[in-house]
Protein backbone atom coordinates (compact mmCIF):
# COMPACT_ATOMS: atom_id res chain seq x y z
CA UNK A 1 49.46 29.38 7.72
CA UNK A 2 49.82 28.89 3.99
CA UNK A 3 47.04 29.29 1.42
CA UNK A 4 46.29 25.56 1.33
CA UNK A 5 45.93 25.30 5.12
CA UNK A 6 43.80 28.46 5.23
CA UNK A 7 41.46 27.10 2.52
CA UNK A 8 41.22 23.71 4.25
CA UNK A 9 40.26 25.44 7.52
CA UNK A 10 37.59 27.48 5.69
CA UNK A 11 36.12 24.30 4.23
CA UNK A 12 36.12 22.54 7.59
CA UNK A 13 34.44 25.54 9.22
CA UNK A 14 31.85 25.69 6.44
CA UNK A 15 31.19 21.97 6.85
CA UNK A 16 30.58 22.44 10.58
CA UNK A 17 28.15 25.28 9.89
CA UNK A 18 26.21 23.84 6.97
CA UNK A 19 26.53 20.05 6.94
CA UNK A 20 25.02 18.06 9.74
CA UNK A 21 26.49 14.62 9.85
CA UNK A 22 24.39 11.78 11.20
CA UNK A 23 25.03 10.99 14.84
CA UNK A 24 25.41 7.30 14.06
CA UNK A 25 25.35 4.73 11.32
CA UNK A 26 21.75 3.98 12.32
CA UNK A 27 20.79 7.62 11.69
CA UNK A 28 22.49 7.43 8.31
CA UNK A 29 20.54 4.28 7.40
CA UNK A 30 17.27 5.87 8.54
CA UNK A 31 17.99 8.87 6.35
CA UNK A 32 18.75 6.64 3.36
CA UNK A 33 15.53 4.64 3.87
CA UNK A 34 13.52 7.87 4.06
CA UNK A 35 15.10 9.07 0.82
CA UNK A 36 14.40 5.75 -0.91
CA UNK A 37 10.77 5.86 0.19
CA UNK A 38 10.45 9.36 -1.17
CA UNK A 39 12.03 8.32 -4.47
CA UNK A 40 9.68 5.33 -4.82
CA UNK A 41 6.70 7.55 -4.03
CA UNK A 42 7.74 10.13 -6.63
CA UNK A 43 8.39 7.38 -9.17
CA UNK A 44 4.98 5.83 -8.57
CA UNK A 45 3.27 9.16 -9.23
CA UNK A 46 5.39 10.22 -12.19
CA UNK A 47 5.24 7.08 -14.30
CA UNK A 48 2.45 5.86 -16.56
CA UNK A 49 0.57 2.89 -15.14
CA UNK A 50 1.00 -0.33 -17.07
CA UNK A 51 -2.54 -1.75 -17.14
CA UNK A 52 -1.04 -5.23 -16.92
CA UNK A 53 0.04 -4.33 -13.36
CA UNK A 54 -2.69 -1.87 -12.32
CA UNK A 55 -3.29 -3.56 -8.94
CA UNK A 56 0.40 -3.53 -8.03
CA UNK A 57 0.61 0.12 -9.05
CA UNK A 58 -2.38 0.83 -6.79
CA UNK A 59 -0.57 -0.93 -3.91
CA UNK A 60 2.53 1.23 -4.40
CA UNK A 61 0.59 4.48 -4.68
CA UNK A 62 -1.44 3.66 -1.56
CA UNK A 63 1.47 2.20 0.44
CA UNK A 64 -0.21 -1.21 0.79
CA UNK A 65 2.53 -3.50 2.03
CA UNK A 66 3.23 -5.94 4.86
CA UNK A 67 0.36 -6.71 7.22
CA UNK A 68 -2.05 -4.45 5.36
CA UNK A 69 -1.49 -6.30 2.09
CA UNK A 70 -1.86 -9.63 3.90
CA UNK A 71 -5.18 -8.55 5.46
CA UNK A 72 -6.37 -7.28 2.08
CA UNK A 73 -5.42 -10.55 0.39
CA UNK A 74 -7.28 -12.67 2.93
CA UNK A 75 -10.41 -10.50 2.72
CA UNK A 76 -10.39 -10.57 -1.10
CA UNK A 77 -10.01 -14.35 -1.12
CA UNK A 78 -12.80 -14.94 1.39
CA UNK A 79 -15.12 -12.59 -0.52
CA UNK A 80 -14.42 -14.43 -3.80
CA UNK A 81 -14.99 -17.78 -2.10
CA UNK A 82 -18.36 -16.53 -0.83
CA UNK A 83 -19.27 -15.24 -4.29
CA UNK A 84 -18.38 -18.52 -6.00
CA UNK A 85 -19.82 -20.77 -3.27
CA UNK A 86 -16.45 -22.39 -2.53
CA UNK A 87 -15.26 -23.35 0.90
CA UNK A 88 -12.83 -20.67 2.13
CA UNK A 89 -9.17 -21.58 1.76
CA UNK A 90 -8.52 -19.82 5.04
CA UNK A 91 -9.62 -21.19 8.37
CA UNK A 92 -11.86 -18.63 10.02
CA UNK A 93 -9.09 -16.39 11.19
CA UNK A 94 -9.48 -13.30 13.31
CA UNK A 95 -8.22 -10.37 11.26
CA UNK A 96 -7.64 -7.26 13.39
CA UNK A 97 -10.09 -4.50 12.53
CA UNK A 98 -12.23 -6.65 10.20
CA UNK A 99 -15.83 -7.58 11.10
CA UNK A 100 -15.64 -11.35 11.33
CA UNK A 101 -19.44 -11.91 11.32
CA UNK A 102 -19.73 -10.07 8.01
CA UNK A 103 -16.57 -11.55 6.49
CA UNK A 104 -17.53 -15.17 7.15
CA UNK A 105 -21.26 -14.84 6.45
CA UNK A 106 -22.69 -17.76 4.45
CA UNK A 107 -24.45 -15.53 1.91
CA UNK A 108 -22.76 -13.99 -1.12
CA UNK A 109 -21.52 -10.50 -0.21
CA UNK A 110 -23.18 -7.34 -1.43
CA UNK A 111 -21.13 -4.49 -2.80
CA UNK A 112 -21.68 -2.57 0.45
CA UNK A 113 -20.43 -5.50 2.55
CA UNK A 114 -17.41 -5.96 0.31
CA UNK A 115 -16.62 -2.25 0.42
CA UNK A 116 -16.92 -2.18 4.23
CA UNK A 117 -14.68 -5.24 4.65
CA UNK A 118 -12.06 -3.92 2.23
CA UNK A 119 -12.05 -0.54 4.00
CA UNK A 120 -11.59 -2.33 7.32
CA UNK A 121 -8.75 -4.45 5.91
CA UNK A 122 -7.08 -1.28 4.61
CA UNK A 123 -7.84 0.60 7.83
CA UNK A 124 -9.35 3.51 5.91
CA UNK A 125 -12.59 5.46 5.85
CA UNK A 126 -11.86 6.70 2.34
CA UNK A 127 -14.40 5.06 0.01
CA UNK A 128 -12.56 6.38 -3.06
CA UNK A 129 -9.55 4.22 -2.11
CA UNK A 130 -11.70 1.09 -2.35
CA UNK A 131 -13.30 2.26 -5.59
CA UNK A 132 -9.80 2.75 -7.00
CA UNK A 133 -8.99 -0.78 -5.80
CA UNK A 134 -11.98 -2.19 -7.69
CA UNK A 135 -10.93 -0.33 -10.84
CA UNK A 136 -7.31 -1.51 -10.52
CA UNK A 137 -8.34 -5.15 -10.02
CA UNK A 138 -10.63 -4.90 -13.03
CA UNK A 139 -7.98 -3.29 -15.25
CA UNK A 140 -5.44 -5.97 -14.30
CA UNK A 141 -8.06 -8.66 -14.94
CA UNK A 142 -7.88 -10.29 -11.51
CA UNK A 143 -10.57 -11.03 -8.90
CA UNK A 144 -13.23 -10.58 -11.58
CA UNK A 145 -15.92 -12.20 -9.43
CA UNK A 146 -15.27 -9.50 -6.86
CA UNK A 147 -15.06 -6.60 -9.31
CA UNK A 148 -18.41 -7.66 -10.79
CA UNK A 149 -19.99 -6.38 -7.55
CA UNK A 150 -18.90 -2.82 -8.36
CA UNK A 151 -22.11 -0.92 -9.18
CA UNK A 152 -20.52 1.54 -11.64
CA UNK A 153 -19.13 0.91 -15.08
CA UNK A 154 -15.47 -0.11 -14.82
């Protein structure tokens, strides 16, 4: 065995001992998706928030996507409709985990009702998450009727 062959064998042996190759292309894709998620998470924490997009930044930092973002959007819209006295754009739709009696009440919502409904839409018990949501909406200048309910200075 010449020097080249010996070195090639050493590298192959080292690869077997230290590099675990994915069992399939699916495993490789799963690994890549996990890495991308981690990169996006790190990016969201390491960058400075552009106030113009404070709500979207809040969504990224709190992983609010897909069904959760849809539930949140419906609840926000219904709450604003109740605050402004408009007929809801949405037909009374059952939203999993959200108290329908409170959501579709005829009276304008209180801050406590809004907070409860938003927490239900987000499937969280963390009140600070909803307070951060109010601040982000206010900073971005959207859903101002809703953010006016917030009892603290924004």
